[in-house]
PDB file of all heavy atoms in Angstrom:
ATOM      1  N   ALA A   1       7.202  -2.018   4.693  1.00  0.00           N
ATOM      2  CA  ALA A   1       7.835  -0.716   4.770  1.00  0.00           C
ATOM      3  C   ALA A   1       9.252  -0.876   5.322  1.00  0.00           C
ATOM      4  O   ALA A   1       9.623  -1.956   5.785  1.00  0.00           O
ATOM      5  CB  ALA A   1       7.044   0.230   5.684  1.00  0.00           C
ATOM      6  N   ILE A   2       9.993   0.208   5.288  1.00  0.00           N
ATOM      7  CA  ILE A   2      11.234   0.290   6.060  1.00  0.00           C
ATOM      8  C   ILE A   2      10.857   0.821   7.445  1.00  0.00           C
ATOM      9  O   ILE A   2      10.182   1.833   7.548  1.00  0.00           O
ATOM     10  CB  ILE A   2      12.272   1.208   5.391  1.00  0.00           C
ATOM     11  CG1 ILE A   2      12.626   0.670   4.004  1.00  0.00           C
ATOM     12  CG2 ILE A   2      13.526   1.307   6.257  1.00  0.00           C
ATOM     13  CD1 ILE A   2      13.541   1.594   3.211  1.00  0.00           C
ATOM     14  N   TYR A   3      11.283   0.110   8.464  1.00  0.00           N
ATOM     15  CA  TYR A   3      10.970   0.489   9.838  1.00  0.00           C
ATOM     16  C   TYR A   3      12.192   1.143  10.482  1.00  0.00           C
ATOM     17  O   TYR A   3      13.315   0.609  10.398  1.00  0.00           O
ATOM     18  CB  TYR A   3      10.556  -0.748  10.647  1.00  0.00           C
ATOM     19  CG  TYR A   3       9.143  -1.173  10.334  1.00  0.00           C
ATOM     20  CD1 TYR A   3       8.804  -1.734   9.101  1.00  0.00           C
ATOM     21  CD2 TYR A   3       8.118  -0.965  11.257  1.00  0.00           C
ATOM     22  CE1 TYR A   3       7.504  -2.091   8.802  1.00  0.00           C
ATOM     23  CE2 TYR A   3       6.810  -1.317  10.966  1.00  0.00           C
ATOM     24  CZ  TYR A   3       6.496  -1.883   9.741  1.00  0.00           C
ATOM     25  OH  TYR A   3       5.199  -2.232   9.433  1.00  0.00           O
ATOM     26  N   TYR A   4      11.956   2.276  11.114  1.00  0.00           N
ATOM     27  CA  TYR A   4      13.005   3.069  11.741  1.00  0.00           C
ATOM     28  C   TYR A   4      12.773   3.178  13.245  1.00  0.00           C
ATOM     29  O   TYR A   4      11.640   3.441  13.685  1.00  0.00           O
ATOM     30  CB  TYR A   4      13.051   4.465  11.148  1.00  0.00           C
ATOM     31  CG  TYR A   4      13.380   4.524   9.681  1.00  0.00           C
ATOM     32  CD1 TYR A   4      12.377   4.500   8.729  1.00  0.00           C
ATOM     33  CD2 TYR A   4      14.706   4.635   9.249  1.00  0.00           C
ATOM     34  CE1 TYR A   4      12.666   4.570   7.367  1.00  0.00           C
ATOM     35  CE2 TYR A   4      15.012   4.705   7.902  1.00  0.00           C
ATOM     36  CZ  TYR A   4      13.994   4.662   6.973  1.00  0.00           C
ATOM     37  OH  TYR A   4      14.301   4.737   5.633  1.00  0.00           O
ATOM     38  N   CYS A   5      13.840   3.033  13.973  1.00  0.00           N
ATOM     39  CA  CYS A   5      13.829   3.295  15.414  1.00  0.00           C
ATOM     40  C   CYS A   5      14.295   4.735  15.623  1.00  0.00           C
ATOM     41  O   CYS A   5      15.133   5.247  14.874  1.00  0.00           O
ATOM     42  CB  CYS A   5      14.783   2.319  16.086  1.00  0.00           C
ATOM     43  SG  CYS A   5      15.120   2.618  17.804  1.00  0.00           S
ATOM     44  N   ALA A   6      13.755   5.398  16.638  1.00  0.00           N
ATOM     45  CA  ALA A   6      14.116   6.781  16.892  1.00  0.00           C
ATOM     46  C   ALA A   6      14.127   7.077  18.381  1.00  0.00           C
ATOM     47  O   ALA A   6      13.372   6.470  19.156  1.00  0.00           O
ATOM     48  CB  ALA A   6      13.149   7.727  16.173  1.00  0.00           C
ATOM     49  N   ALA A   7      14.981   8.040  18.751  1.00  0.00           N
ATOM     50  CA  ALA A   7      15.048   8.529  20.129  1.00  0.00           C
ATOM     51  C   ALA A   7      14.702  10.011  20.130  1.00  0.00           C
ATOM     52  O   ALA A   7      15.113  10.750  19.224  1.00  0.00           O
ATOM     53  CB  ALA A   7      16.442   8.308  20.696  1.00  0.00           C
ATOM     54  N   ALA A   8      13.949  10.429  21.134  1.00  0.00           N
ATOM     55  CA  ALA A   8      13.546  11.834  21.228  1.00  0.00           C
ATOM     56  C   ALA A   8      14.789  12.731  21.339  1.00  0.00           C
ATOM     57  O   ALA A   8      15.812  12.357  21.883  1.00  0.00           O
ATOM     58  CB  ALA A   8      12.643  12.044  22.433  1.00  0.00           C
ATOM     59  N   HIS A   9      14.633  13.961  20.848  1.00  0.00           N
ATOM     60  CA  HIS A   9      15.794  14.846  20.754  1.00  0.00           C
ATOM     61  C   HIS A   9      16.160  15.487  22.096  1.00  0.00           C
ATOM     62  O   HIS A   9      17.220  16.092  22.222  1.00  0.00           O
ATOM     63  CB  HIS A   9      15.556  15.920  19.695  1.00  0.00           C
ATOM     64  CG  HIS A   9      14.527  16.939  20.069  1.00  0.00           C
ATOM     65  ND1 HIS A   9      14.824  18.074  20.787  1.00  0.00           N
ATOM     66  CD2 HIS A   9      13.207  16.989  19.830  1.00  0.00           C
ATOM     67  CE1 HIS A   9      13.716  18.778  20.957  1.00  0.00           C
ATOM     68  NE2 HIS A   9      12.725  18.145  20.396  1.00  0.00           N
ATOM     69  N   ARG A  10      15.278  15.354  23.085  1.00  0.00           N
ATOM     70  CA  ARG A  10      15.575  15.898  24.414  1.00  0.00           C
ATOM     71  C   ARG A  10      14.917  15.015  25.459  1.00  0.00           C
ATOM     72  O   ARG A  10      14.026  14.229  25.119  1.00  0.00           O
ATOM     73  CB  ARG A  10      15.046  17.333  24.517  1.00  0.00           C
ATOM     74  CG  ARG A  10      13.535  17.480  24.375  1.00  0.00           C
ATOM     75  CD  ARG A  10      13.110  18.930  24.511  1.00  0.00           C
ATOM     76  NE  ARG A  10      11.686  19.135  24.240  1.00  0.00           N
ATOM     77  CZ  ARG A  10      10.754  19.047  25.167  1.00  0.00           C
ATOM     78  NH1 ARG A  10      11.069  18.733  26.417  1.00  0.00           N
ATOM     79  NH2 ARG A  10       9.473  19.264  24.851  1.00  0.00           N
ATOM     80  N   PRO A  11      15.330  15.111  26.719  1.00  0.00           N
ATOM     81  CA  PRO A  11      14.728  14.284  27.764  1.00  0.00           C
ATOM     82  C   PRO A  11      13.352  14.809  28.169  1.00  0.00           C
ATOM     83  O   PRO A  11      13.243  15.668  29.031  1.00  0.00           O
ATOM     84  CB  PRO A  11      15.732  14.345  28.913  1.00  0.00           C
ATOM     85  CG  PRO A  11      16.596  15.497  28.640  1.00  0.00           C
ATOM     86  CD  PRO A  11      16.501  15.864  27.223  1.00  0.00           C
ATOM     87  N   PHE A  12      12.305  14.265  27.543  1.00  0.00           N
ATOM     88  CA  PHE A  12      10.944  14.586  27.911  1.00  0.00           C
ATOM     89  C   PHE A  12      10.630  14.068  29.316  1.00  0.00           C
ATOM     90  O   PHE A  12      11.369  13.251  29.860  1.00  0.00           O
ATOM     91  CB  PHE A  12       9.971  13.983  26.910  1.00  0.00           C
ATOM     92  CG  PHE A  12       9.898  14.715  25.595  1.00  0.00           C
ATOM     93  CD1 PHE A  12      10.822  14.468  24.590  1.00  0.00           C
ATOM     94  CD2 PHE A  12       8.921  15.669  25.367  1.00  0.00           C
ATOM     95  CE1 PHE A  12      10.776  15.147  23.382  1.00  0.00           C
ATOM     96  CE2 PHE A  12       8.852  16.339  24.164  1.00  0.00           C
ATOM     97  CZ  PHE A  12       9.780  16.077  23.168  1.00  0.00           C
ATOM     98  N   SER A  13       9.532  14.552  29.868  1.00  0.00           N
ATOM     99  CA  SER A  13       9.158  14.101  31.200  1.00  0.00           C
ATOM    100  C   SER A  13       8.982  12.584  31.218  1.00  0.00           C
ATOM    101  O   SER A  13       8.733  11.962  30.176  1.00  0.00           O
ATOM    102  CB  SER A  13       7.878  14.794  31.665  1.00  0.00           C
ATOM    103  OG  SER A  13       6.793  14.398  30.861  1.00  0.00           O
ATOM    104  N   TYR A  14       9.081  12.004  32.388  1.00  0.00           N
ATOM    105  CA  TYR A  14       9.208  10.558  32.556  1.00  0.00           C
ATOM    106  C   TYR A  14       8.076   9.769  31.909  1.00  0.00           C
ATOM    107  O   TYR A  14       8.293   8.669  31.402  1.00  0.00           O
ATOM    108  CB  TYR A  14       9.282  10.260  34.047  1.00  0.00           C
ATOM    109  CG  TYR A  14       9.781   8.890  34.410  1.00  0.00           C
ATOM    110  CD1 TYR A  14      11.024   8.444  33.986  1.00  0.00           C
ATOM    111  CD2 TYR A  14       9.002   8.035  35.193  1.00  0.00           C
ATOM    112  CE1 TYR A  14      11.475   7.187  34.318  1.00  0.00           C
ATOM    113  CE2 TYR A  14       9.462   6.770  35.526  1.00  0.00           C
ATOM    114  CZ  TYR A  14      10.691   6.362  35.093  1.00  0.00           C
ATOM    115  OH  TYR A  14      11.139   5.110  35.420  1.00  0.00           O
ATOM    116  N   HIS A  15       6.876  10.299  31.908  1.00  0.00           N
ATOM    117  CA  HIS A  15       5.722   9.549  31.433  1.00  0.00           C
ATOM    118  C   HIS A  15       5.246   9.960  30.043  1.00  0.00           C
ATOM    119  O   HIS A  15       4.227   9.485  29.569  1.00  0.00           O
ATOM    120  CB  HIS A  15       4.565   9.685  32.417  1.00  0.00           C
ATOM    121  CG  HIS A  15       4.889   9.178  33.794  1.00  0.00           C
ATOM    122  ND1 HIS A  15       5.153   7.850  34.054  1.00  0.00           N
ATOM    123  CD2 HIS A  15       5.048   9.833  34.969  1.00  0.00           C
ATOM    124  CE1 HIS A  15       5.419   7.708  35.324  1.00  0.00           C
ATOM    125  NE2 HIS A  15       5.369   8.889  35.907  1.00  0.00           N
ATOM    126  N   THR A  16       5.966  10.826  29.369  1.00  0.00           N
ATOM    127  CA  THR A  16       5.541  11.348  28.065  1.00  0.00           C
ATOM    128  C   THR A  16       5.904  10.377  26.947  1.00  0.00           C
ATOM    129  O   THR A  16       7.064   9.989  26.808  1.00  0.00           O
ATOM    130  CB  THR A  16       6.178  12.708  27.786  1.00  0.00           C
ATOM    131  OG1 THR A  16       5.743  13.655  28.761  1.00  0.00           O
ATOM    132  CG2 THR A  16       5.788  13.220  26.401  1.00  0.00           C
ATOM    133  N   VAL A  17       4.884  10.037  26.148  1.00  0.00           N
ATOM    134  CA  VAL A  17       5.126   9.298  24.899  1.00  0.00           C
ATOM    135  C   VAL A  17       5.186  10.323  23.768  1.00  0.00           C
ATOM    136  O   VAL A  17       4.272  11.140  23.608  1.00  0.00           O
ATOM    137  CB  VAL A  17       4.000   8.272  24.636  1.00  0.00           C
ATOM    138  CG1 VAL A  17       4.291   7.513  23.337  1.00  0.00           C
ATOM    139  CG2 VAL A  17       3.880   7.303  25.788  1.00  0.00           C
ATOM    140  N   VAL A  18       6.225  10.315  23.023  1.00  0.00           N
ATOM    141  CA  VAL A  18       6.450  11.293  21.970  1.00  0.00           C
ATOM    142  C   VAL A  18       5.863  10.749  20.666  1.00  0.00           C
ATOM    143  O   VAL A  18       6.199   9.647  20.244  1.00  0.00           O
ATOM    144  CB  VAL A  18       7.954  11.593  21.829  1.00  0.00           C
ATOM    145  CG1 VAL A  18       8.198  12.618  20.726  1.00  0.00           C
ATOM    146  CG2 VAL A  18       8.507  12.116  23.155  1.00  0.00           C
ATOM    147  N   LEU A  19       5.008  11.559  20.027  1.00  0.00           N
ATOM    148  CA  LEU A  19       4.232  11.068  18.908  1.00  0.00           C
ATOM    149  C   LEU A  19       4.655  11.634  17.548  1.00  0.00           C
ATOM    150  O   LEU A  19       4.334  11.044  16.520  1.00  0.00           O
ATOM    151  CB  LEU A  19       2.750  11.381  19.110  1.00  0.00           C
ATOM    152  CG  LEU A  19       2.126  10.874  20.416  1.00  0.00           C
ATOM    153  CD1 LEU A  19       0.642  11.241  20.447  1.00  0.00           C
ATOM    154  CD2 LEU A  19       2.308   9.374  20.565  1.00  0.00           C
ATOM    155  N   THR A  20       5.327  12.770  17.538  1.00  0.00           N
ATOM    156  CA  THR A  20       5.553  13.471  16.282  1.00  0.00           C
ATOM    157  C   THR A  20       6.980  13.343  15.808  1.00  0.00           C
ATOM    158  O   THR A  20       7.919  13.378  16.592  1.00  0.00           O
ATOM    159  CB  THR A  20       5.186  14.950  16.419  1.00  0.00           C
ATOM    160  OG1 THR A  20       5.923  15.490  17.528  1.00  0.00           O
ATOM    161  CG2 THR A  20       3.711  15.118  16.656  1.00  0.00           C
ATOM    162  N   THR A  21       7.142  13.226  14.484  1.00  0.00           N
ATOM    163  CA  THR A  21       8.439  13.003  13.884  1.00  0.00           C
ATOM    164  C   THR A  21       9.447  14.081  14.277  1.00  0.00           C
ATOM    165  O   THR A  21      10.601  13.772  14.593  1.00  0.00           O
ATOM    166  CB  THR A  21       8.303  12.965  12.346  1.00  0.00           C
ATOM    167  OG1 THR A  21       7.309  12.034  11.976  1.00  0.00           O
ATOM    168  CG2 THR A  21       9.617  12.594  11.688  1.00  0.00           C
ATOM    169  N   HIS A  22       9.038  15.337  14.318  1.00  0.00           N
ATOM    170  CA  HIS A  22       9.997  16.418  14.525  1.00  0.00           C
ATOM    171  C   HIS A  22      10.521  16.455  15.970  1.00  0.00           C
ATOM    172  O   HIS A  22      11.506  17.142  16.240  1.00  0.00           O
ATOM    173  CB  HIS A  22       9.400  17.760  14.150  1.00  0.00           C
ATOM    174  CG  HIS A  22       8.364  18.270  15.110  1.00  0.00           C
ATOM    175  ND1 HIS A  22       7.044  17.946  15.030  1.00  0.00           N
ATOM    176  CD2 HIS A  22       8.482  19.081  16.204  1.00  0.00           C
ATOM    177  CE1 HIS A  22       6.379  18.536  16.007  1.00  0.00           C
ATOM    178  NE2 HIS A  22       7.234  19.240  16.726  1.00  0.00           N
ATOM    179  N   GLU A  23       9.892  15.717  16.889  1.00  0.00           N
ATOM    180  CA  GLU A  23      10.388  15.651  18.258  1.00  0.00           C
ATOM    181  C   GLU A  23      11.443  14.572  18.434  1.00  0.00           C
ATOM    182  O   GLU A  23      12.018  14.447  19.518  1.00  0.00           O
ATOM    183  CB  GLU A  23       9.243  15.409  19.234  1.00  0.00           C
ATOM    184  CG  GLU A  23       8.202  16.513  19.263  1.00  0.00           C
ATOM    185  CD  GLU A  23       8.666  17.705  20.106  1.00  0.00           C
ATOM    186  OE1 GLU A  23       9.867  17.874  20.346  1.00  0.00           O
ATOM    187  OE2 GLU A  23       7.787  18.491  20.519  1.00  0.00           O
ATOM    188  N   TYR A  24      11.702  13.819  17.399  1.00  0.00           N
ATOM    189  CA  TYR A  24      12.750  12.791  17.456  1.00  0.00           C
ATOM    190  C   TYR A  24      14.000  13.312  16.774  1.00  0.00           C
ATOM    191  O   TYR A  24      13.938  13.798  15.654  1.00  0.00           O
ATOM    192  CB  TYR A  24      12.262  11.495  16.778  1.00  0.00           C
ATOM    193  CG  TYR A  24      11.269  10.724  17.614  1.00  0.00           C
ATOM    194  CD1 TYR A  24       9.904  10.989  17.528  1.00  0.00           C
ATOM    195  CD2 TYR A  24      11.705   9.767  18.523  1.00  0.00           C
ATOM    196  CE1 TYR A  24       9.006  10.286  18.314  1.00  0.00           C
ATOM    197  CE2 TYR A  24      10.816   9.058  19.300  1.00  0.00           C
ATOM    198  CZ  TYR A  24       9.464   9.321  19.201  1.00  0.00           C
ATOM    199  OH  TYR A  24       8.561   8.636  19.987  1.00  0.00           O
TER     200      TYR A  24
END
């Protein structure tokens, strides 16, 4: 596949792992 790196669109809490595409 093509692999993409992404950063969340806002500073989530310190321990939150962001799982959904629309949050990046």
